[in-house]
Amino acid sequence: MPYTVIPTALPEVLILEPKVFGDARGFFFESFNQRDFAQATGLDVQFVQDNHSRSAKGVLRGLHYQIKHPQGKLVRVTQGEVFDVAVDLRRSSPNFGKWVGMVLSADNHRQLWVPPGFAHGFVVTSDTAECLYKTTDYWYPEHERSLLWNDPMVAVQWPLAAAPQLAVKDAAATRLGDAQVFA
């Protein structure tokens, strides 16, 4: 099996650790294989879009979600390191408002599956980081929402030594109590 699946405190959010083949020349691994992903996770999803971001240390992107056309995301880091977070925004879930976070890096090759119905974000902990992620639906800016990164109701424990750099939309994001969420 090319993936080891590691459960998280939120059962739908999964860490995937690919089998990496390395020697003196470097390394090789399959970053995605539809058949193996389905077999390892039990999920039958279709990815329609790939996104790539580059950010400097201290940049916090998120916590983003789409209220209509919700996206599942398979996230990995190709350069640097981030602390990656998923927040359950399904009101009917026993884990509503709870979060999980983990380090994704170019060195650990781990990937994070963030299902539809969850907000997603990350903060860069290395000098720079590049993230690639596959999505199960297209980006619709009119349906994009941001959950406030430091909402005390969610209380994400970000590994920050100083205030993060935020996009204007993320600085003006909504608190969980006022956010549009999923049924």
N, C-alpha and C. Protein backbone atom coordinates (compact mmCIF):
# COMPACT_ATOMS: atom_id res chain seq x y z
N MET A 1 0.85 -1.18 0.00
CA MET A 1 0.00 0.00 0.00
C MET A 1 0.89 1.24 0.00
N PRO A 2 0.70 2.14 -0.97
CA PRO A 2 1.55 3.33 -1.05
C PRO A 2 1.27 4.38 0.03
N TYR A 3 0.14 4.28 0.74
CA TYR A 3 -0.18 5.24 1.79
C TYR A 3 -0.34 4.52 3.13
N THR A 4 0.12 5.16 4.18
CA THR A 4 -0.29 4.79 5.53
C THR A 4 -1.27 5.87 5.95
N VAL A 5 -2.44 5.48 6.43
CA VAL A 5 -3.45 6.44 6.88
C VAL A 5 -3.36 6.55 8.40
N ILE A 6 -3.21 7.77 8.87
CA ILE A 6 -3.10 8.04 10.30
C ILE A 6 -4.35 8.81 10.72
N PRO A 7 -5.14 8.26 11.64
CA PRO A 7 -6.35 8.97 12.07
C PRO A 7 -5.99 10.19 12.92
N THR A 8 -6.92 11.13 12.98
CA THR A 8 -6.77 12.31 13.83
C THR A 8 -7.91 12.31 14.86
N ALA A 9 -7.91 13.31 15.72
CA ALA A 9 -8.97 13.45 16.72
C ALA A 9 -10.33 13.72 16.07
N LEU A 10 -10.34 14.20 14.84
CA LEU A 10 -11.58 14.36 14.07
C LEU A 10 -11.60 13.23 13.06
N PRO A 11 -12.48 12.24 13.21
CA PRO A 11 -12.40 11.00 12.42
C PRO A 11 -12.40 11.18 10.91
N GLU A 12 -13.03 12.23 10.41
CA GLU A 12 -13.09 12.43 8.96
C GLU A 12 -11.82 13.05 8.39
N VAL A 13 -11.03 13.69 9.24
CA VAL A 13 -9.77 14.32 8.82
C VAL A 13 -8.67 13.27 8.95
N LEU A 14 -7.94 13.06 7.86
CA LEU A 14 -6.94 12.00 7.82
C LEU A 14 -5.57 12.53 7.42
N ILE A 15 -4.54 11.94 8.02
CA ILE A 15 -3.17 12.19 7.59
C ILE A 15 -2.77 11.01 6.72
N LEU A 16 -2.24 11.31 5.55
CA LEU A 16 -1.74 10.26 4.66
C LEU A 16 -0.24 10.37 4.57
N GLU A 17 0.42 9.27 4.84
CA GLU A 17 1.87 9.23 4.77
C GLU A 17 2.25 8.33 3.60
N PRO A 18 2.79 8.90 2.52
CA PRO A 18 3.12 8.07 1.37
C PRO A 18 4.38 7.25 1.61
N LYS A 19 4.48 6.17 0.87
CA LYS A 19 5.70 5.37 0.91
C LYS A 19 6.74 6.09 0.05
N VAL A 20 7.86 6.44 0.67
CA VAL A 20 8.91 7.21 0.00
C VAL A 20 10.10 6.28 -0.24
N PHE A 21 10.57 6.27 -1.47
CA PHE A 21 11.74 5.49 -1.84
C PHE A 21 12.92 6.45 -1.98
N GLY A 22 13.95 6.25 -1.16
CA GLY A 22 15.08 7.16 -1.19
C GLY A 22 16.40 6.43 -1.29
N ASP A 23 17.37 7.10 -1.88
CA ASP A 23 18.74 6.60 -1.94
C ASP A 23 19.66 7.82 -2.09
N ALA A 24 20.90 7.59 -2.43
CA ALA A 24 21.89 8.67 -2.53
C ALA A 24 21.50 9.72 -3.57
N ARG A 25 20.66 9.36 -4.53
CA ARG A 25 20.26 10.30 -5.57
C ARG A 25 19.16 11.24 -5.12
N GLY A 26 18.41 10.86 -4.08
CA GLY A 26 17.27 11.65 -3.63
C GLY A 26 16.12 10.74 -3.24
N PHE A 27 14.90 11.10 -3.65
CA PHE A 27 13.74 10.28 -3.29
C PHE A 27 12.72 10.29 -4.41
N PHE A 28 11.77 9.35 -4.30
CA PHE A 28 10.63 9.27 -5.22
C PHE A 28 9.44 8.78 -4.42
N PHE A 29 8.27 9.37 -4.71
CA PHE A 29 7.02 8.81 -4.20
C PHE A 29 5.88 9.26 -5.09
N GLU A 30 4.82 8.46 -5.10
CA GLU A 30 3.59 8.86 -5.79
C GLU A 30 2.85 9.80 -4.86
N SER A 31 2.67 11.04 -5.28
CA SER A 31 1.97 11.99 -4.43
C SER A 31 0.46 11.79 -4.48
N PHE A 32 -0.03 11.19 -5.56
CA PHE A 32 -1.45 10.87 -5.62
C PHE A 32 -1.69 9.77 -6.64
N ASN A 33 -2.54 8.83 -6.25
CA ASN A 33 -2.99 7.75 -7.11
C ASN A 33 -4.45 7.49 -6.72
N GLN A 34 -5.38 7.75 -7.61
CA GLN A 34 -6.81 7.68 -7.30
C GLN A 34 -7.20 6.32 -6.72
N ARG A 35 -6.76 5.25 -7.34
CA ARG A 35 -7.13 3.91 -6.87
C ARG A 35 -6.58 3.65 -5.47
N ASP A 36 -5.31 3.98 -5.25
CA ASP A 36 -4.71 3.74 -3.95
C ASP A 36 -5.29 4.65 -2.86
N PHE A 37 -5.62 5.89 -3.21
CA PHE A 37 -6.25 6.81 -2.27
C PHE A 37 -7.59 6.23 -1.82
N ALA A 38 -8.40 5.78 -2.77
CA ALA A 38 -9.72 5.21 -2.45
C ALA A 38 -9.57 3.96 -1.59
N GLN A 39 -8.63 3.11 -1.93
CA GLN A 39 -8.42 1.87 -1.17
C GLN A 39 -7.94 2.18 0.26
N ALA A 40 -7.05 3.13 0.41
CA ALA A 40 -6.48 3.44 1.72
C ALA A 40 -7.47 4.17 2.63
N THR A 41 -8.30 5.05 2.04
CA THR A 41 -9.19 5.90 2.84
C THR A 41 -10.64 5.45 2.85
N GLY A 42 -11.03 4.64 1.85
CA GLY A 42 -12.44 4.29 1.70
C GLY A 42 -13.25 5.41 1.08
N LEU A 43 -12.58 6.44 0.57
CA LEU A 43 -13.26 7.60 -0.01
C LEU A 43 -13.23 7.52 -1.53
N ASP A 44 -14.36 7.79 -2.14
CA ASP A 44 -14.44 7.85 -3.60
C ASP A 44 -14.69 9.31 -3.97
N VAL A 45 -13.61 10.07 -4.13
CA VAL A 45 -13.73 11.49 -4.44
C VAL A 45 -13.06 11.76 -5.78
N GLN A 46 -13.52 12.81 -6.42
CA GLN A 46 -12.92 13.24 -7.67
C GLN A 46 -12.35 14.64 -7.45
N PHE A 47 -11.07 14.80 -7.76
CA PHE A 47 -10.45 16.11 -7.64
C PHE A 47 -10.56 16.84 -8.97
N VAL A 48 -10.90 18.14 -8.92
CA VAL A 48 -11.15 18.92 -10.13
C VAL A 48 -10.21 20.10 -10.30
N GLN A 49 -9.45 20.43 -9.25
CA GLN A 49 -8.61 21.62 -9.31
C GLN A 49 -7.39 21.41 -8.43
N ASP A 50 -6.23 21.87 -8.89
CA ASP A 50 -5.01 21.89 -8.07
C ASP A 50 -4.65 23.34 -7.80
N ASN A 51 -4.29 23.64 -6.54
CA ASN A 51 -3.88 24.97 -6.14
C ASN A 51 -2.46 24.92 -5.59
N HIS A 52 -1.72 26.02 -5.77
CA HIS A 52 -0.33 26.09 -5.34
C HIS A 52 -0.12 27.46 -4.71
N SER A 53 0.37 27.49 -3.48
CA SER A 53 0.66 28.77 -2.84
C SER A 53 2.09 28.79 -2.33
N ARG A 54 2.66 29.97 -2.29
CA ARG A 54 3.97 30.20 -1.68
C ARG A 54 3.78 31.33 -0.68
N SER A 55 4.30 31.13 0.52
CA SER A 55 4.12 32.12 1.58
C SER A 55 5.38 32.22 2.41
N ALA A 56 5.55 33.38 3.04
CA ALA A 56 6.69 33.63 3.92
C ALA A 56 6.36 33.23 5.36
N LYS A 57 7.39 33.14 6.17
CA LYS A 57 7.22 32.78 7.58
C LYS A 57 6.24 33.74 8.25
N GLY A 58 5.35 33.17 9.05
CA GLY A 58 4.38 33.97 9.78
C GLY A 58 3.12 34.30 9.01
N VAL A 59 3.04 33.93 7.74
CA VAL A 59 1.81 34.14 6.98
C VAL A 59 0.81 33.08 7.40
N LEU A 60 -0.40 33.53 7.73
CA LEU A 60 -1.48 32.62 8.08
C LEU A 60 -2.56 32.76 7.02
N ARG A 61 -2.87 31.67 6.36
CA ARG A 61 -3.92 31.63 5.35
C ARG A 61 -5.08 30.84 5.90
N GLY A 62 -6.24 31.48 5.99
CA GLY A 62 -7.42 30.76 6.48
C GLY A 62 -8.04 31.50 7.64
N LEU A 63 -8.98 30.85 8.14
CA LEU A 63 -9.50 29.50 7.93
C LEU A 63 -10.62 29.57 6.88
N HIS A 64 -10.42 28.97 5.72
CA HIS A 64 -11.30 29.13 4.57
C HIS A 64 -12.23 27.94 4.37
N TYR A 65 -13.40 28.24 3.81
CA TYR A 65 -14.35 27.21 3.38
C TYR A 65 -15.33 27.84 2.40
N GLN A 66 -16.05 27.00 1.69
CA GLN A 66 -17.09 27.48 0.78
C GLN A 66 -18.44 26.98 1.28
N ILE A 67 -19.36 27.90 1.52
CA ILE A 67 -20.65 27.54 2.09
C ILE A 67 -21.52 26.80 1.07
N LYS A 68 -21.41 27.16 -0.18
CA LYS A 68 -22.00 26.38 -1.28
C LYS A 68 -20.83 25.83 -2.06
N HIS A 69 -21.01 24.70 -2.69
CA HIS A 69 -19.90 24.03 -3.38
C HIS A 69 -18.75 23.75 -2.41
N PRO A 70 -19.03 23.11 -1.26
CA PRO A 70 -17.95 22.84 -0.31
C PRO A 70 -16.87 21.98 -0.94
N GLN A 71 -15.64 22.25 -0.55
CA GLN A 71 -14.49 21.57 -1.13
C GLN A 71 -13.86 20.61 -0.13
N GLY A 72 -13.58 19.40 -0.58
CA GLY A 72 -12.63 18.54 0.11
C GLY A 72 -11.26 18.92 -0.41
N LYS A 73 -10.25 18.85 0.46
CA LYS A 73 -8.89 19.25 0.06
C LYS A 73 -7.89 18.19 0.48
N LEU A 74 -6.98 17.87 -0.41
CA LEU A 74 -5.84 17.02 -0.10
C LEU A 74 -4.61 17.92 -0.17
N VAL A 75 -4.02 18.22 0.99
CA VAL A 75 -2.99 19.25 1.11
C VAL A 75 -1.63 18.61 1.37
N ARG A 76 -0.60 19.15 0.71
CA ARG A 76 0.77 18.74 1.00
C ARG A 76 1.70 19.92 0.82
N VAL A 77 2.88 19.82 1.41
CA VAL A 77 3.89 20.88 1.34
C VAL A 77 5.06 20.36 0.52
N THR A 78 5.47 21.15 -0.48
CA THR A 78 6.58 20.74 -1.34
C THR A 78 7.88 21.44 -0.99
N GLN A 79 7.80 22.52 -0.23
CA GLN A 79 8.99 23.25 0.22
C GLN A 79 8.65 23.90 1.54
N GLY A 80 9.51 23.69 2.55
CA GLY A 80 9.30 24.32 3.84
C GLY A 80 8.40 23.52 4.76
N GLU A 81 7.75 24.27 5.69
CA GLU A 81 6.92 23.63 6.72
C GLU A 81 5.79 24.55 7.12
N VAL A 82 4.63 23.95 7.38
CA VAL A 82 3.46 24.68 7.87
C VAL A 82 2.82 23.91 9.02
N PHE A 83 2.07 24.65 9.83
CA PHE A 83 1.17 24.04 10.79
C PHE A 83 -0.20 24.15 10.16
N ASP A 84 -0.80 23.02 9.84
CA ASP A 84 -2.04 22.95 9.07
C ASP A 84 -3.21 22.60 9.98
N VAL A 85 -4.35 23.25 9.77
CA VAL A 85 -5.50 23.13 10.68
C VAL A 85 -6.78 22.86 9.89
N ALA A 86 -7.63 22.00 10.46
CA ALA A 86 -8.98 21.76 9.95
C ALA A 86 -9.96 21.95 11.10
N VAL A 87 -11.08 22.65 10.84
CA VAL A 87 -12.10 22.91 11.85
C VAL A 87 -13.43 22.37 11.33
N ASP A 88 -14.10 21.56 12.14
CA ASP A 88 -15.39 20.98 11.78
C ASP A 88 -16.47 22.05 11.86
N LEU A 89 -17.11 22.35 10.73
CA LEU A 89 -18.17 23.36 10.68
C LEU A 89 -19.54 22.76 10.38
N ARG A 90 -19.71 21.48 10.65
CA ARG A 90 -21.00 20.81 10.44
C ARG A 90 -21.77 20.84 11.77
N ARG A 91 -22.81 21.67 11.82
CA ARG A 91 -23.57 21.87 13.05
C ARG A 91 -24.09 20.55 13.62
N SER A 92 -24.43 19.59 12.76
CA SER A 92 -24.97 18.30 13.22
C SER A 92 -23.89 17.36 13.74
N SER A 93 -22.64 17.72 13.61
CA SER A 93 -21.53 16.85 14.03
C SER A 93 -21.29 16.96 15.54
N PRO A 94 -20.97 15.85 16.19
CA PRO A 94 -20.58 15.94 17.61
C PRO A 94 -19.27 16.69 17.81
N ASN A 95 -18.54 16.91 16.72
CA ASN A 95 -17.26 17.63 16.78
C ASN A 95 -17.35 19.06 16.25
N PHE A 96 -18.58 19.58 16.14
CA PHE A 96 -18.77 20.94 15.62
C PHE A 96 -17.91 21.93 16.41
N GLY A 97 -17.13 22.74 15.69
CA GLY A 97 -16.29 23.76 16.29
C GLY A 97 -14.95 23.25 16.80
N LYS A 98 -14.72 21.95 16.71
CA LYS A 98 -13.43 21.40 17.15
C LYS A 98 -12.43 21.42 16.00
N TRP A 99 -11.15 21.41 16.35
CA TRP A 99 -10.09 21.52 15.35
C TRP A 99 -9.02 20.47 15.60
N VAL A 100 -8.27 20.19 14.54
CA VAL A 100 -7.04 19.40 14.63
C VAL A 100 -5.97 20.16 13.85
N GLY A 101 -4.73 19.99 14.30
CA GLY A 101 -3.62 20.63 13.62
C GLY A 101 -2.43 19.70 13.60
N MET A 102 -1.63 19.82 12.56
CA MET A 102 -0.43 19.00 12.43
C MET A 102 0.58 19.70 11.53
N VAL A 103 1.82 19.26 11.66
CA VAL A 103 2.89 19.79 10.83
C VAL A 103 2.91 19.03 9.52
N LEU A 104 2.87 19.77 8.44
CA LEU A 104 3.11 19.23 7.10
C LEU A 104 4.39 19.87 6.60
N SER A 105 5.27 19.07 6.02
CA SER A 105 6.53 19.63 5.55
C SER A 105 7.03 18.89 4.32
N ALA A 106 7.96 19.52 3.64
CA ALA A 106 8.61 18.86 2.51
C ALA A 106 9.41 17.66 3.00
N ASP A 107 9.87 17.69 4.23
CA ASP A 107 10.66 16.58 4.77
C ASP A 107 9.80 15.39 5.19
N ASN A 108 8.63 15.64 5.81
CA ASN A 108 7.83 14.49 6.27
C ASN A 108 6.89 13.95 5.19
N HIS A 109 6.70 14.66 4.08
CA HIS A 109 5.91 14.22 2.93
C HIS A 109 4.44 13.92 3.27
N ARG A 110 4.01 14.24 4.46
CA ARG A 110 2.63 13.94 4.86
C ARG A 110 1.65 14.80 4.08
N GLN A 111 0.45 14.24 3.91
CA GLN A 111 -0.65 14.94 3.27
C GLN A 111 -1.82 14.95 4.24
N LEU A 112 -2.66 15.95 4.13
CA LEU A 112 -3.83 16.06 4.99
C LEU A 112 -5.08 16.05 4.14
N TRP A 113 -6.00 15.16 4.47
CA TRP A 113 -7.33 15.14 3.84
C TRP A 113 -8.26 15.95 4.72
N VAL A 114 -8.78 17.06 4.17
CA VAL A 114 -9.75 17.92 4.83
C VAL A 114 -11.06 17.75 4.07
N PRO A 115 -12.06 17.10 4.65
CA PRO A 115 -13.30 16.84 3.92
C PRO A 115 -14.17 18.08 3.74
N PRO A 116 -15.14 18.03 2.83
CA PRO A 116 -16.12 19.11 2.72
C PRO A 116 -16.82 19.29 4.08
N GLY A 117 -17.15 20.53 4.40
CA GLY A 117 -17.80 20.81 5.67
C GLY A 117 -16.83 21.26 6.76
N PHE A 118 -15.55 21.38 6.39
CA PHE A 118 -14.52 21.81 7.33
C PHE A 118 -13.86 23.08 6.81
N ALA A 119 -13.48 23.96 7.73
CA ALA A 119 -12.63 25.11 7.38
C ALA A 119 -11.20 24.63 7.39
N HIS A 120 -10.36 25.27 6.57
CA HIS A 120 -8.96 24.88 6.46
C HIS A 120 -8.08 26.11 6.46
N GLY A 121 -6.93 25.98 7.11
CA GLY A 121 -5.95 27.05 7.09
C GLY A 121 -4.59 26.55 7.56
N PHE A 122 -3.60 27.39 7.38
CA PHE A 122 -2.26 27.03 7.83
C PHE A 122 -1.45 28.29 8.11
N VAL A 123 -0.42 28.10 8.94
CA VAL A 123 0.56 29.16 9.19
C VAL A 123 1.92 28.59 8.82
N VAL A 124 2.74 29.43 8.18
CA VAL A 124 4.07 29.02 7.74
C VAL A 124 5.03 29.14 8.92
N THR A 125 5.74 28.04 9.21
CA THR A 125 6.67 28.01 10.34
C THR A 125 8.13 28.00 9.90
N SER A 126 8.39 27.82 8.62
CA SER A 126 9.75 27.89 8.06
C SER A 126 9.91 29.25 7.39
N ASP A 127 11.09 29.54 6.85
CA ASP A 127 11.31 30.84 6.20
C ASP A 127 10.31 31.09 5.08
N THR A 128 10.06 30.08 4.28
CA THR A 128 9.02 30.11 3.25
C THR A 128 8.44 28.71 3.16
N ALA A 129 7.29 28.60 2.52
CA ALA A 129 6.68 27.28 2.30
C ALA A 129 5.84 27.34 1.03
N GLU A 130 5.83 26.23 0.33
CA GLU A 130 4.96 26.07 -0.83
C GLU A 130 4.02 24.91 -0.55
N CYS A 131 2.73 25.18 -0.73
CA CYS A 131 1.69 24.18 -0.51
C CYS A 131 1.01 23.88 -1.84
N LEU A 132 0.73 22.61 -2.05
CA LEU A 132 -0.07 22.16 -3.18
C LEU A 132 -1.28 21.45 -2.61
N TYR A 133 -2.45 21.77 -3.15
CA TYR A 133 -3.60 21.01 -2.70
C TYR A 133 -4.61 20.82 -3.81
N LYS A 134 -5.17 19.63 -3.77
CA LYS A 134 -6.20 19.22 -4.72
C LYS A 134 -7.55 19.52 -4.08
N THR A 135 -8.53 19.94 -4.88
CA THR A 135 -9.86 20.20 -4.35
C THR A 135 -10.91 19.40 -5.11
N THR A 136 -11.99 19.08 -4.40
CA THR A 136 -13.07 18.29 -4.99
C THR A 136 -14.13 19.14 -5.66
N ASP A 137 -14.03 20.45 -5.55
CA ASP A 137 -14.92 21.35 -6.28
C ASP A 137 -14.12 22.59 -6.63
N TYR A 138 -14.66 23.35 -7.55
CA TYR A 138 -13.99 24.56 -8.02
C TYR A 138 -14.11 25.68 -7.00
N TRP A 139 -13.27 26.69 -7.14
CA TRP A 139 -13.34 27.87 -6.29
C TRP A 139 -14.43 28.78 -6.80
N TYR A 140 -15.33 29.14 -5.91
CA TYR A 140 -16.40 30.09 -6.19
C TYR A 140 -16.25 31.24 -5.20
N PRO A 141 -15.64 32.36 -5.62
CA PRO A 141 -15.38 33.44 -4.66
C PRO A 141 -16.63 33.95 -3.96
N GLU A 142 -17.77 33.90 -4.62
CA GLU A 142 -18.99 34.39 -4.00
C GLU A 142 -19.48 33.49 -2.86
N HIS A 143 -18.98 32.27 -2.79
CA HIS A 143 -19.37 31.33 -1.72
C HIS A 143 -18.27 31.13 -0.69
N GLU A 144 -17.11 31.74 -0.92
CA GLU A 144 -16.00 31.57 0.02
C GLU A 144 -16.30 32.33 1.31
N ARG A 145 -15.95 31.70 2.42
CA ARG A 145 -16.09 32.30 3.73
C ARG A 145 -14.78 32.10 4.49
N SER A 146 -14.57 32.94 5.50
CA SER A 146 -13.40 32.81 6.37
C SER A 146 -13.86 32.80 7.82
N LEU A 147 -13.40 31.81 8.55
CA LEU A 147 -13.61 31.73 9.99
C LEU A 147 -12.42 32.43 10.65
N LEU A 148 -12.68 33.26 11.64
CA LEU A 148 -11.62 34.03 12.29
C LEU A 148 -10.57 33.11 12.88
N TRP A 149 -9.33 33.32 12.51
CA TRP A 149 -8.23 32.44 12.86
C TRP A 149 -8.02 32.32 14.37
N ASN A 150 -8.34 33.38 15.12
CA ASN A 150 -8.11 33.37 16.56
C ASN A 150 -9.41 33.44 17.37
N ASP A 151 -10.48 32.92 16.82
CA ASP A 151 -11.77 32.89 17.51
C ASP A 151 -11.61 32.11 18.82
N PRO A 152 -11.91 32.72 19.96
CA PRO A 152 -11.73 32.02 21.23
C PRO A 152 -12.66 30.82 21.40
N MET A 153 -13.78 30.78 20.68
CA MET A 153 -14.67 29.61 20.76
C MET A 153 -14.02 28.38 20.15
N VAL A 154 -13.20 28.58 19.13
CA VAL A 154 -12.50 27.46 18.48
C VAL A 154 -11.16 27.22 19.17
N ALA A 155 -10.45 28.28 19.49
CA ALA A 155 -9.21 28.25 20.27
C ALA A 155 -8.10 27.39 19.65
N VAL A 156 -7.85 27.61 18.35
CA VAL A 156 -6.72 26.92 17.71
C VAL A 156 -5.43 27.36 18.39
N GLN A 157 -4.58 26.42 18.70
CA GLN A 157 -3.29 26.70 19.33
C GLN A 157 -2.23 26.84 18.24
N TRP A 158 -2.22 27.99 17.59
CA TRP A 158 -1.26 28.25 16.51
C TRP A 158 0.15 28.39 17.09
N PRO A 159 1.16 27.84 16.46
CA PRO A 159 2.54 27.99 16.94
C PRO A 159 3.14 29.33 16.47
N LEU A 160 2.71 30.40 17.11
CA LEU A 160 3.10 31.75 16.70
C LEU A 160 3.87 32.44 17.80
N ALA A 161 4.97 33.10 17.43
CA ALA A 161 5.73 33.91 18.37
C ALA A 161 5.30 35.37 18.29
N ALA A 162 4.63 35.74 17.19
CA ALA A 162 4.18 37.12 16.97
C ALA A 162 2.87 37.06 16.19
N ALA A 163 2.24 38.22 16.04
CA ALA A 163 1.00 38.28 15.26
C ALA A 163 1.27 37.82 13.83
N PRO A 164 0.38 37.02 13.24
CA PRO A 164 0.60 36.54 11.88
C PRO A 164 0.31 37.62 10.85
N GLN A 165 0.85 37.39 9.64
CA GLN A 165 0.49 38.23 8.49
C GLN A 165 -0.79 37.63 7.90
N LEU A 166 -1.79 38.47 7.72
CA LEU A 166 -3.10 38.02 7.25
C LEU A 166 -3.53 38.78 6.01
N ALA A 167 -4.30 38.14 5.17
CA ALA A 167 -5.00 38.83 4.09
C ALA A 167 -6.10 39.68 4.73
N VAL A 168 -6.52 40.71 4.03
CA VAL A 168 -7.58 41.58 4.54
C VAL A 168 -8.83 40.76 4.86
N LYS A 169 -9.20 39.84 3.97
CA LYS A 169 -10.42 39.05 4.19
C LYS A 169 -10.29 38.16 5.42
N ASP A 170 -9.07 37.68 5.72
CA ASP A 170 -8.89 36.82 6.89
C ASP A 170 -8.88 37.63 8.18
N ALA A 171 -8.36 38.84 8.14
CA ALA A 171 -8.38 39.71 9.31
C ALA A 171 -9.81 40.12 9.66
N ALA A 172 -10.67 40.18 8.66
CA ALA A 172 -12.08 40.57 8.86
C ALA A 172 -13.01 39.36 8.90
N ALA A 173 -12.47 38.18 9.14
CA ALA A 173 -13.26 36.95 9.11
C ALA A 173 -14.29 36.93 10.24
N THR A 174 -15.20 35.97 10.14
CA THR A 174 -16.32 35.85 11.06
C THR A 174 -16.01 34.87 12.18
N ARG A 175 -16.52 35.16 13.36
CA ARG A 175 -16.42 34.25 14.50
C ARG A 175 -17.40 33.09 14.30
N LEU A 176 -17.11 31.97 14.92
CA LEU A 176 -17.94 30.78 14.77
C LEU A 176 -19.41 31.05 15.09
N GLY A 177 -19.68 31.79 16.15
CA GLY A 177 -21.06 32.07 16.56
C GLY A 177 -21.87 32.84 15.53
N ASP A 178 -21.19 33.55 14.63
CA ASP A 178 -21.87 34.35 13.60
C ASP A 178 -21.67 33.78 12.19
N ALA A 179 -20.90 32.73 12.05
CA ALA A 179 -20.53 32.21 10.73
C ALA A 179 -21.65 31.39 10.11
N GLN A 180 -21.71 31.45 8.78
CA GLN A 180 -22.54 30.51 8.04
C GLN A 180 -21.84 29.17 8.13
N VAL A 181 -22.57 28.14 8.55
CA VAL A 181 -21.98 26.82 8.69
C VAL A 181 -22.85 25.79 7.97
N PHE A 182 -22.44 24.56 8.04
CA PHE A 182 -23.13 23.47 7.34
C PHE A 182 -24.15 22.81 8.28
N ALA A 183 -25.17 22.22 7.71
CA ALA A 183 -26.22 21.56 8.51
C ALA A 183 -25.66 20.40 9.31
